[in-house]
């Protein structure tokens, strides 16, 4: 598991799963986040991760293809951070 995947799992666990549902230890990086989190939680997660990871992205990029699982979300964040580094922007 990558550092980004671990951070996302911990964020989801501490922010949204305190209610007796799965905990981060049980939350697979392939679990469908769109069935676990509601739309407001997805929005909050997106805003928080965007700020924490210092990434810029167009809203049109934030589709279920990128937000659907921890693994895909981590890969998206990693690509955005790598692109920022390649462009000389802070990551």
PDB file of N, CA and C in Angstrom:
ATOM      1  N   UNK A   1       0.853  -1.178   0.000  1.00  0.00           N
ATOM      2  CA  UNK A   1       0.000   0.000   0.000  1.00  0.00           C
ATOM      3  C   UNK A   1       0.900   1.242   0.000  1.00  0.00           C
ATOM      4  N   UNK A   2       0.552   2.195  -0.852  1.00  0.00           N
ATOM      5  CA  UNK A   2       1.348   3.411  -0.942  1.00  0.00           C
ATOM      6  C   UNK A   2       1.006   4.357   0.209  1.00  0.00           C
ATOM      7  N   UNK A   3       1.847   5.346   0.390  1.00  0.00           N
ATOM      8  CA  UNK A   3       1.622   6.362   1.423  1.00  0.00           C
ATOM      9  C   UNK A   3       0.318   7.108   1.144  1.00  0.00           C
ATOM     10  N   UNK A   4       0.073   7.421  -0.114  1.00  0.00           N
ATOM     11  CA  UNK A   4      -1.149   8.148  -0.468  1.00  0.00           C
ATOM     12  C   UNK A   4      -2.384   7.301  -0.163  1.00  0.00           C
ATOM     13  N   UNK A   5      -2.352   6.022  -0.519  1.00  0.00           N
ATOM     14  CA  UNK A   5      -3.479   5.134  -0.222  1.00  0.00           C
ATOM     15  C   UNK A   5      -3.730   5.056   1.279  1.00  0.00           C
ATOM     16  N   UNK A   6      -2.659   4.944   2.048  1.00  0.00           N
ATOM     17  CA  UNK A   6      -2.787   4.879   3.506  1.00  0.00           C
ATOM     18  C   UNK A   6      -3.404   6.165   4.054  1.00  0.00           C
ATOM     19  N   UNK A   7      -2.945   7.305   3.556  1.00  0.00           N
ATOM     20  CA  UNK A   7      -3.483   8.588   4.025  1.00  0.00           C
ATOM     21  C   UNK A   7      -4.963   8.735   3.689  1.00  0.00           C
ATOM     22  N   UNK A   8      -5.350   8.293   2.497  1.00  0.00           N
ATOM     23  CA  UNK A   8      -6.761   8.369   2.109  1.00  0.00           C
ATOM     24  C   UNK A   8      -7.606   7.472   3.003  1.00  0.00           C
ATOM     25  N   UNK A   9      -7.145   6.239   3.234  1.00  0.00           N
ATOM     26  CA  UNK A   9      -7.886   5.324   4.124  1.00  0.00           C
ATOM     27  C   UNK A   9      -8.049   5.914   5.511  1.00  0.00           C
ATOM     28  N   UNK A  10      -6.980   6.469   6.052  1.00  0.00           N
ATOM     29  CA  UNK A  10      -7.041   7.060   7.395  1.00  0.00           C
ATOM     30  C   UNK A  10      -7.996   8.247   7.421  1.00  0.00           C
ATOM     31  N   UNK A  11      -7.975   9.072   6.370  1.00  0.00           N
ATOM     32  CA  UNK A  11      -8.880  10.217   6.315  1.00  0.00           C
ATOM     33  C   UNK A  11     -10.334   9.750   6.273  1.00  0.00           C
ATOM     34  N   UNK A  12     -10.638   8.779   5.425  1.00  0.00           N
ATOM     35  CA  UNK A  12     -12.006   8.263   5.319  1.00  0.00           C
ATOM     36  C   UNK A  12     -12.448   7.675   6.653  1.00  0.00           C
ATOM     37  N   UNK A  13     -11.569   6.911   7.274  1.00  0.00           N
ATOM     38  CA  UNK A  13     -11.904   6.286   8.553  1.00  0.00           C
ATOM     39  C   UNK A  13     -12.198   7.332   9.620  1.00  0.00           C
ATOM     40  N   UNK A  14     -11.307   8.293   9.778  1.00  0.00           N
ATOM     41  CA  UNK A  14     -11.477   9.270  10.858  1.00  0.00           C
ATOM     42  C   UNK A  14     -12.595  10.270  10.587  1.00  0.00           C
ATOM     43  N   UNK A  15     -12.868  10.545   9.323  1.00  0.00           N
ATOM     44  CA  UNK A  15     -13.864  11.560   8.988  1.00  0.00           C
ATOM     45  C   UNK A  15     -15.275  11.015   8.800  1.00  0.00           C
ATOM     46  N   UNK A  16     -15.388   9.776   8.307  1.00  0.00           N
ATOM     47  CA  UNK A  16     -16.699   9.307   7.878  1.00  0.00           C
ATOM     48  C   UNK A  16     -17.138   7.965   8.452  1.00  0.00           C
ATOM     49  N   UNK A  17     -16.229   7.148   8.936  1.00  0.00           N
ATOM     50  CA  UNK A  17     -16.608   5.785   9.294  1.00  0.00           C
ATOM     51  C   UNK A  17     -16.617   5.520  10.797  1.00  0.00           C
ATOM     52  N   UNK A  18     -16.789   6.547  11.586  1.00  0.00           N
ATOM     53  CA  UNK A  18     -16.834   6.378  13.041  1.00  0.00           C
ATOM     54  C   UNK A  18     -18.165   5.778  13.489  1.00  0.00           C
ATOM     55  N   UNK A  19     -19.068   5.548  12.571  1.00  0.00           N
ATOM     56  CA  UNK A  19     -20.437   5.198  12.920  1.00  0.00           C
ATOM     57  C   UNK A  19     -20.710   3.696  12.969  1.00  0.00           C
ATOM     58  N   UNK A  20     -19.666   2.896  13.161  1.00  0.00           N
ATOM     59  CA  UNK A  20     -19.889   1.471  13.276  1.00  0.00           C
ATOM     60  C   UNK A  20     -19.774   0.704  11.980  1.00  0.00           C
ATOM     61  N   UNK A  21     -19.574   1.405  10.871  1.00  0.00           N
ATOM     62  CA  UNK A  21     -19.365   0.721   9.597  1.00  0.00           C
ATOM     63  C   UNK A  21     -17.927   0.229   9.543  1.00  0.00           C
ATOM     64  N   UNK A  22     -17.481  -0.133   8.377  1.00  0.00           N
ATOM     65  CA  UNK A  22     -16.108  -0.616   8.194  1.00  0.00           C
ATOM     66  C   UNK A  22     -15.110   0.414   8.715  1.00  0.00           C
ATOM     67  N   UNK A  23     -14.017  -0.068   9.228  1.00  0.00           N
ATOM     68  CA  UNK A  23     -12.934   0.821   9.633  1.00  0.00           C
ATOM     69  C   UNK A  23     -11.849   0.740   8.583  1.00  0.00           C
ATOM     70  N   UNK A  24     -10.869   1.634   8.657  1.00  0.00           N
ATOM     71  CA  UNK A  24      -9.829   1.655   7.635  1.00  0.00           C
ATOM     72  C   UNK A  24      -9.106   0.321   7.554  1.00  0.00           C
ATOM     73  N   UNK A  25      -8.997  -0.403   8.659  1.00  0.00           N
ATOM     74  CA  UNK A  25      -8.362  -1.703   8.623  1.00  0.00           C
ATOM     75  C   UNK A  25      -9.145  -2.697   7.792  1.00  0.00           C
ATOM     76  N   UNK A  26     -10.448  -2.483   7.676  1.00  0.00           N
ATOM     77  CA  UNK A  26     -11.315  -3.364   6.900  1.00  0.00           C
ATOM     78  C   UNK A  26     -11.602  -2.805   5.511  1.00  0.00           C
ATOM     79  N   UNK A  27     -11.310  -1.548   5.278  1.00  0.00           N
ATOM     80  CA  UNK A  27     -11.629  -0.883   4.026  1.00  0.00           C
ATOM     81  C   UNK A  27     -10.563  -1.195   2.986  1.00  0.00           C
ATOM     82  N   UNK A  28     -10.936  -1.947   1.993  1.00  0.00           N
ATOM     83  CA  UNK A  28     -10.023  -2.325   0.921  1.00  0.00           C
ATOM     84  C   UNK A  28      -9.740  -1.121   0.026  1.00  0.00           C
ATOM     85  N   UNK A  29      -8.540  -1.087  -0.549  1.00  0.00           N
ATOM     86  CA  UNK A  29      -8.231  -0.003  -1.474  1.00  0.00           C
ATOM     87  C   UNK A  29      -9.012  -0.147  -2.774  1.00  0.00           C
ATOM     88  N   UNK A  30      -9.664  -1.285  -2.966  1.00  0.00           N
ATOM     89  CA  UNK A  30     -10.497  -1.530  -4.154  1.00  0.00           C
ATOM     90  C   UNK A  30     -11.988  -1.398  -3.851  1.00  0.00           C
ATOM     91  N   UNK A  31     -12.340  -1.085  -2.592  1.00  0.00           N
ATOM     92  CA  UNK A  31     -13.754  -0.941  -2.229  1.00  0.00           C
ATOM     93  C   UNK A  31     -14.374   0.232  -2.990  1.00  0.00           C
ATOM     94  N   UNK A  32     -15.633   0.081  -3.378  1.00  0.00           N
ATOM     95  CA  UNK A  32     -16.343   1.118  -4.116  1.00  0.00           C
ATOM     96  C   UNK A  32     -16.751   2.241  -3.164  1.00  0.00           C
ATOM     97  N   UNK A  33     -16.011   3.336  -3.203  1.00  0.00           N
ATOM     98  CA  UNK A  33     -16.282   4.453  -2.297  1.00  0.00           C
ATOM     99  C   UNK A  33     -17.637   5.095  -2.560  1.00  0.00           C
ATOM    100  N   UNK A  34     -18.121   4.969  -3.782  1.00  0.00           N
ATOM    101  CA  UNK A  34     -19.397   5.586  -4.125  1.00  0.00           C
ATOM    102  C   UNK A  34     -20.579   4.858  -3.497  1.00  0.00           C
ATOM    103  N   UNK A  35     -20.350   3.660  -2.975  1.00  0.00           N
ATOM    104  CA  UNK A  35     -21.399   2.947  -2.243  1.00  0.00           C
ATOM    105  C   UNK A  35     -21.201   3.067  -0.734  1.00  0.00           C
ATOM    106  N   UNK A  36     -20.026   3.520  -0.313  1.00  0.00           N
ATOM    107  CA  UNK A  36     -19.716   3.639   1.113  1.00  0.00           C
ATOM    108  C   UNK A  36     -19.979   5.057   1.607  1.00  0.00           C
ATOM    109  N   UNK A  37     -19.655   6.045   0.774  1.00  0.00           N
ATOM    110  CA  UNK A  37     -19.792   7.451   1.157  1.00  0.00           C
ATOM    111  C   UNK A  37     -20.949   8.087   0.397  1.00  0.00           C
ATOM    112  N   UNK A  38     -21.600   9.059   1.032  1.00  0.00           N
ATOM    113  CA  UNK A  38     -22.649   9.780   0.319  1.00  0.00           C
ATOM    114  C   UNK A  38     -22.033  10.933  -0.471  1.00  0.00           C
ATOM    115  N   UNK A  39     -22.834  11.626  -1.244  1.00  0.00           N
ATOM    116  CA  UNK A  39     -22.304  12.655  -2.142  1.00  0.00           C
ATOM    117  C   UNK A  39     -21.644  13.810  -1.385  1.00  0.00           C
ATOM    118  N   UNK A  40     -22.183  14.187  -0.242  1.00  0.00           N
ATOM    119  CA  UNK A  40     -21.568  15.255   0.546  1.00  0.00           C
ATOM    120  C   UNK A  40     -20.211  14.810   1.094  1.00  0.00           C
ATOM    121  N   UNK A  41     -20.110  13.571   1.522  1.00  0.00           N
ATOM    122  CA  UNK A  41     -18.831  13.049   2.012  1.00  0.00           C
ATOM    123  C   UNK A  41     -17.802  12.988   0.884  1.00  0.00           C
ATOM    124  N   UNK A  42     -18.234  12.602  -0.308  1.00  0.00           N
ATOM    125  CA  UNK A  42     -17.327  12.586  -1.468  1.00  0.00           C
ATOM    126  C   UNK A  42     -16.816  13.997  -1.740  1.00  0.00           C
ATOM    127  N   UNK A  43     -17.701  14.976  -1.708  1.00  0.00           N
ATOM    128  CA  UNK A  43     -17.311  16.361  -1.940  1.00  0.00           C
ATOM    129  C   UNK A  43     -16.332  16.836  -0.876  1.00  0.00           C
ATOM    130  N   UNK A  44     -16.643  16.562   0.390  1.00  0.00           N
ATOM    131  CA  UNK A  44     -15.735  16.956   1.483  1.00  0.00           C
ATOM    132  C   UNK A  44     -14.375  16.293   1.326  1.00  0.00           C
ATOM    133  N   UNK A  45     -14.374  15.003   0.973  1.00  0.00           N
ATOM    134  CA  UNK A  45     -13.113  14.282   0.784  1.00  0.00           C
ATOM    135  C   UNK A  45     -12.317  14.903  -0.352  1.00  0.00           C
ATOM    136  N   UNK A  46     -12.992  15.193  -1.451  1.00  0.00           N
ATOM    137  CA  UNK A  46     -12.318  15.785  -2.603  1.00  0.00           C
ATOM    138  C   UNK A  46     -11.661  17.110  -2.247  1.00  0.00           C
ATOM    139  N   UNK A  47     -12.384  17.968  -1.553  1.00  0.00           N
ATOM    140  CA  UNK A  47     -11.841  19.270  -1.171  1.00  0.00           C
ATOM    141  C   UNK A  47     -10.670  19.128  -0.201  1.00  0.00           C
ATOM    142  N   UNK A  48     -10.806  18.241   0.764  1.00  0.00           N
ATOM    143  CA  UNK A  48      -9.747  18.041   1.748  1.00  0.00           C
ATOM    144  C   UNK A  48      -8.494  17.465   1.104  1.00  0.00           C
ATOM    145  N   UNK A  49      -8.650  16.451   0.274  1.00  0.00           N
ATOM    146  CA  UNK A  49      -7.488  15.837  -0.361  1.00  0.00           C
ATOM    147  C   UNK A  49      -6.818  16.787  -1.341  1.00  0.00           C
ATOM    148  N   UNK A  50      -7.611  17.579  -2.026  1.00  0.00           N
ATOM    149  CA  UNK A  50      -7.053  18.571  -2.946  1.00  0.00           C
ATOM    150  C   UNK A  50      -6.181  19.565  -2.178  1.00  0.00           C
ATOM    151  N   UNK A  51      -6.644  19.998  -1.015  1.00  0.00           N
ATOM    152  CA  UNK A  51      -5.875  20.927  -0.189  1.00  0.00           C
ATOM    153  C   UNK A  51      -4.651  20.252   0.433  1.00  0.00           C
ATOM    154  N   UNK A  52      -4.840  19.063   1.002  1.00  0.00           N
ATOM    155  CA  UNK A  52      -3.736  18.356   1.654  1.00  0.00           C
ATOM    156  C   UNK A  52      -2.634  17.977   0.680  1.00  0.00           C
ATOM    157  N   UNK A  53      -3.012  17.564  -0.500  1.00  0.00           N
ATOM    158  CA  UNK A  53      -2.050  17.055  -1.477  1.00  0.00           C
ATOM    159  C   UNK A  53      -1.543  18.137  -2.413  1.00  0.00           C
ATOM    160  N   UNK A  54      -2.047  19.356  -2.255  1.00  0.00           N
ATOM    161  CA  UNK A  54      -1.630  20.498  -3.065  1.00  0.00           C
ATOM    162  C   UNK A  54      -1.690  20.170  -4.554  1.00  0.00           C
ATOM    163  N   UNK A  55      -2.840  19.682  -4.975  1.00  0.00           N
ATOM    164  CA  UNK A  55      -3.004  19.371  -6.394  1.00  0.00           C
ATOM    165  C   UNK A  55      -4.035  20.301  -7.002  1.00  0.00           C
ATOM    166  N   UNK A  56      -3.869  20.537  -8.275  1.00  0.00           N
ATOM    167  CA  UNK A  56      -4.842  21.313  -9.022  1.00  0.00           C
ATOM    168  C   UNK A  56      -5.492  20.374 -10.014  1.00  0.00           C
ATOM    169  N   UNK A  57      -6.775  20.532 -10.169  1.00  0.00           N
ATOM    170  CA  UNK A  57      -7.476  19.682 -11.114  1.00  0.00           C
ATOM    171  C   UNK A  57      -8.782  20.301 -11.524  1.00  0.00           C
ATOM    172  N   UNK A  58      -9.164  20.014 -12.724  1.00  0.00           N
ATOM    173  CA  UNK A  58     -10.432  20.473 -13.256  1.00  0.00           C
ATOM    174  C   UNK A  58     -11.542  19.591 -12.695  1.00  0.00           C
ATOM    175  N   UNK A  59     -12.668  20.170 -12.386  1.00  0.00           N
ATOM    176  CA  UNK A  59     -13.783  19.388 -11.838  1.00  0.00           C
ATOM    177  C   UNK A  59     -14.215  18.271 -12.779  1.00  0.00           C
ATOM    178  N   UNK A  60     -14.027  18.468 -14.073  1.00  0.00           N
ATOM    179  CA  UNK A  60     -14.428  17.430 -15.031  1.00  0.00           C
ATOM    180  C   UNK A  60     -13.572  16.170 -14.889  1.00  0.00           C
ATOM    181  N   UNK A  61     -12.410  16.293 -14.261  1.00  0.00           N
ATOM    182  CA  UNK A  61     -11.546  15.133 -14.041  1.00  0.00           C
ATOM    183  C   UNK A  61     -12.022  14.279 -12.873  1.00  0.00           C
ATOM    184  N   UNK A  62     -12.852  14.827 -12.040  1.00  0.00           N
ATOM    185  CA  UNK A  62     -13.261  14.134 -10.823  1.00  0.00           C
ATOM    186  C   UNK A  62     -14.509  13.310 -11.083  1.00  0.00           C
ATOM    187  N   UNK A  63     -14.300  12.214 -11.742  1.00  0.00           N
ATOM    188  CA  UNK A  63     -15.363  11.296 -12.134  1.00  0.00           C
ATOM    189  C   UNK A  63     -15.253  10.025 -11.293  1.00  0.00           C
ATOM    190  N   UNK A  64     -16.244   9.148 -11.366  1.00  0.00           N
ATOM    191  CA  UNK A  64     -16.138   7.865 -10.656  1.00  0.00           C
ATOM    192  C   UNK A  64     -14.889   7.072 -11.047  1.00  0.00           C
ATOM    193  N   UNK A  65     -14.391   7.306 -12.270  1.00  0.00           N
ATOM    194  CA  UNK A  65     -13.154   6.631 -12.675  1.00  0.00           C
ATOM    195  C   UNK A  65     -11.994   6.991 -11.751  1.00  0.00           C
ATOM    196  N   UNK A  66     -12.001   8.204 -11.228  1.00  0.00           N
ATOM    197  CA  UNK A  66     -10.933   8.640 -10.329  1.00  0.00           C
ATOM    198  C   UNK A  66     -11.318   8.555  -8.860  1.00  0.00           C
ATOM    199  N   UNK A  67     -12.592   8.740  -8.563  1.00  0.00           N
ATOM    200  CA  UNK A  67     -13.042   8.775  -7.170  1.00  0.00           C
ATOM    201  C   UNK A  67     -13.602   7.449  -6.681  1.00  0.00           C
ATOM    202  N   UNK A  68     -13.702   6.468  -7.549  1.00  0.00           N
ATOM    203  CA  UNK A  68     -14.405   5.237  -7.226  1.00  0.00           C
ATOM    204  C   UNK A  68     -13.770   4.374  -6.161  1.00  0.00           C
ATOM    205  N   UNK A  69     -12.450   4.348  -6.098  1.00  0.00           N
ATOM    206  CA  UNK A  69     -11.758   3.526  -5.101  1.00  0.00           C
ATOM    207  C   UNK A  69     -10.573   4.299  -4.548  1.00  0.00           C
ATOM    208  N   UNK A  70     -10.089   3.861  -3.419  1.00  0.00           N
ATOM    209  CA  UNK A  70      -8.895   4.476  -2.834  1.00  0.00           C
ATOM    210  C   UNK A  70      -7.721   4.332  -3.795  1.00  0.00           C
ATOM    211  N   UNK A  71      -7.591   3.170  -4.398  1.00  0.00           N
ATOM    212  CA  UNK A  71      -6.481   2.917  -5.321  1.00  0.00           C
ATOM    213  C   UNK A  71      -6.499   3.901  -6.499  1.00  0.00           C
ATOM    214  N   UNK A  72      -7.661   4.061  -7.139  1.00  0.00           N
ATOM    215  CA  UNK A  72      -7.757   4.980  -8.282  1.00  0.00           C
ATOM    216  C   UNK A  72      -7.564   6.426  -7.858  1.00  0.00           C
ATOM    217  N   UNK A  73      -8.085   6.784  -6.701  1.00  0.00           N
ATOM    218  CA  UNK A  73      -7.917   8.142  -6.191  1.00  0.00           C
ATOM    219  C   UNK A  73      -6.441   8.428  -5.902  1.00  0.00           C
ATOM    220  N   UNK A  74      -5.748   7.466  -5.305  1.00  0.00           N
ATOM    221  CA  UNK A  74      -4.316   7.631  -5.017  1.00  0.00           C
ATOM    222  C   UNK A  74      -3.516   7.744  -6.311  1.00  0.00           C
ATOM    223  N   UNK A  75      -3.861   6.956  -7.310  1.00  0.00           N
ATOM    224  CA  UNK A  75      -3.165   7.035  -8.601  1.00  0.00           C
ATOM    225  C   UNK A  75      -3.392   8.403  -9.251  1.00  0.00           C
ATOM    226  N   UNK A  76      -4.615   8.923  -9.145  1.00  0.00           N
ATOM    227  CA  UNK A  76      -4.939  10.240  -9.687  1.00  0.00           C
ATOM    228  C   UNK A  76      -4.107  11.321  -8.986  1.00  0.00           C
ATOM    229  N   UNK A  77      -4.064  11.273  -7.666  1.00  0.00           N
ATOM    230  CA  UNK A  77      -3.294  12.251  -6.901  1.00  0.00           C
ATOM    231  C   UNK A  77      -1.817  12.159  -7.259  1.00  0.00           C
ATOM    232  N   UNK A  78      -1.300  10.949  -7.361  1.00  0.00           N
ATOM    233  CA  UNK A  78       0.109  10.766  -7.714  1.00  0.00           C
ATOM    234  C   UNK A  78       0.406  11.358  -9.094  1.00  0.00           C
ATOM    235  N   UNK A  79      -0.459  11.107 -10.073  1.00  0.00           N
ATOM    236  CA  UNK A  79      -0.254  11.672 -11.420  1.00  0.00           C
ATOM    237  C   UNK A  79      -0.267  13.195 -11.381  1.00  0.00           C
ATOM    238  N   UNK A  80      -1.196  13.764 -10.625  1.00  0.00           N
ATOM    239  CA  UNK A  80      -1.286  15.222 -10.534  1.00  0.00           C
ATOM    240  C   UNK A  80      -0.043  15.810  -9.861  1.00  0.00           C
ATOM    241  N   UNK A  81       0.438  15.142  -8.807  1.00  0.00           N
ATOM    242  CA  UNK A  81       1.631  15.631  -8.131  1.00  0.00           C
ATOM    243  C   UNK A  81       2.854  15.519  -9.042  1.00  0.00           C
ATOM    244  N   UNK A  82       2.961  14.436  -9.780  1.00  0.00           N
ATOM    245  CA  UNK A  82       4.083  14.255 -10.707  1.00  0.00           C
ATOM    246  C   UNK A  82       4.041  15.317 -11.812  1.00  0.00           C
ATOM    247  N   UNK A  83       2.863  15.607 -12.322  1.00  0.00           N
ATOM    248  CA  UNK A  83       2.720  16.631 -13.352  1.00  0.00           C
ATOM    249  C   UNK A  83       3.136  17.993 -12.819  1.00  0.00           C
ATOM    250  N   UNK A  84       2.780  18.293 -11.576  1.00  0.00           N
ATOM    251  CA  UNK A  84       3.157  19.561 -10.971  1.00  0.00           C
ATOM    252  C   UNK A  84       4.671  19.671 -10.828  1.00  0.00           C
ATOM    253  N   UNK A  85       5.321  18.589 -10.427  1.00  0.00           N
ATOM    254  CA  UNK A  85       6.773  18.583 -10.284  1.00  0.00           C
ATOM    255  C   UNK A  85       7.424  18.789 -11.645  1.00  0.00           C
ATOM    256  N   UNK A  86       6.908  18.107 -12.662  1.00  0.00           N
ATOM    257  CA  UNK A  86       7.464  18.226 -14.012  1.00  0.00           C
ATOM    258  C   UNK A  86       7.304  19.634 -14.572  1.00  0.00           C
ATOM    259  N   UNK A  87       6.281  20.341 -14.130  1.00  0.00           N
ATOM    260  CA  UNK A  87       6.039  21.694 -14.592  1.00  0.00           C
ATOM    261  C   UNK A  87       6.726  22.730 -13.706  1.00  0.00           C
ATOM    262  N   UNK A  88       7.443  22.272 -12.686  1.00  0.00           N
ATOM    263  CA  UNK A  88       8.133  23.174 -11.782  1.00  0.00           C
ATOM    264  C   UNK A  88       7.249  23.808 -10.738  1.00  0.00           C
ATOM    265  N   UNK A  89       6.062  23.264 -10.562  1.00  0.00           N
ATOM    266  CA  UNK A  89       5.136  23.774  -9.547  1.00  0.00           C
ATOM    267  C   UNK A  89       5.355  23.029  -8.248  1.00  0.00           C
ATOM    268  N   UNK A  90       5.027  23.639  -7.110  1.00  0.00           N
ATOM    269  CA  UNK A  90       5.145  22.894  -5.850  1.00  0.00           C
ATOM    270  C   UNK A  90       4.173  21.739  -5.832  1.00  0.00           C
ATOM    271  N   UNK A  91       4.612  20.608  -5.259  1.00  0.00           N
ATOM    272  CA  UNK A  91       3.726  19.443  -5.201  1.00  0.00           C
ATOM    273  C   UNK A  91       3.147  19.277  -3.825  1.00  0.00           C
TER     274      UNK A  91
END
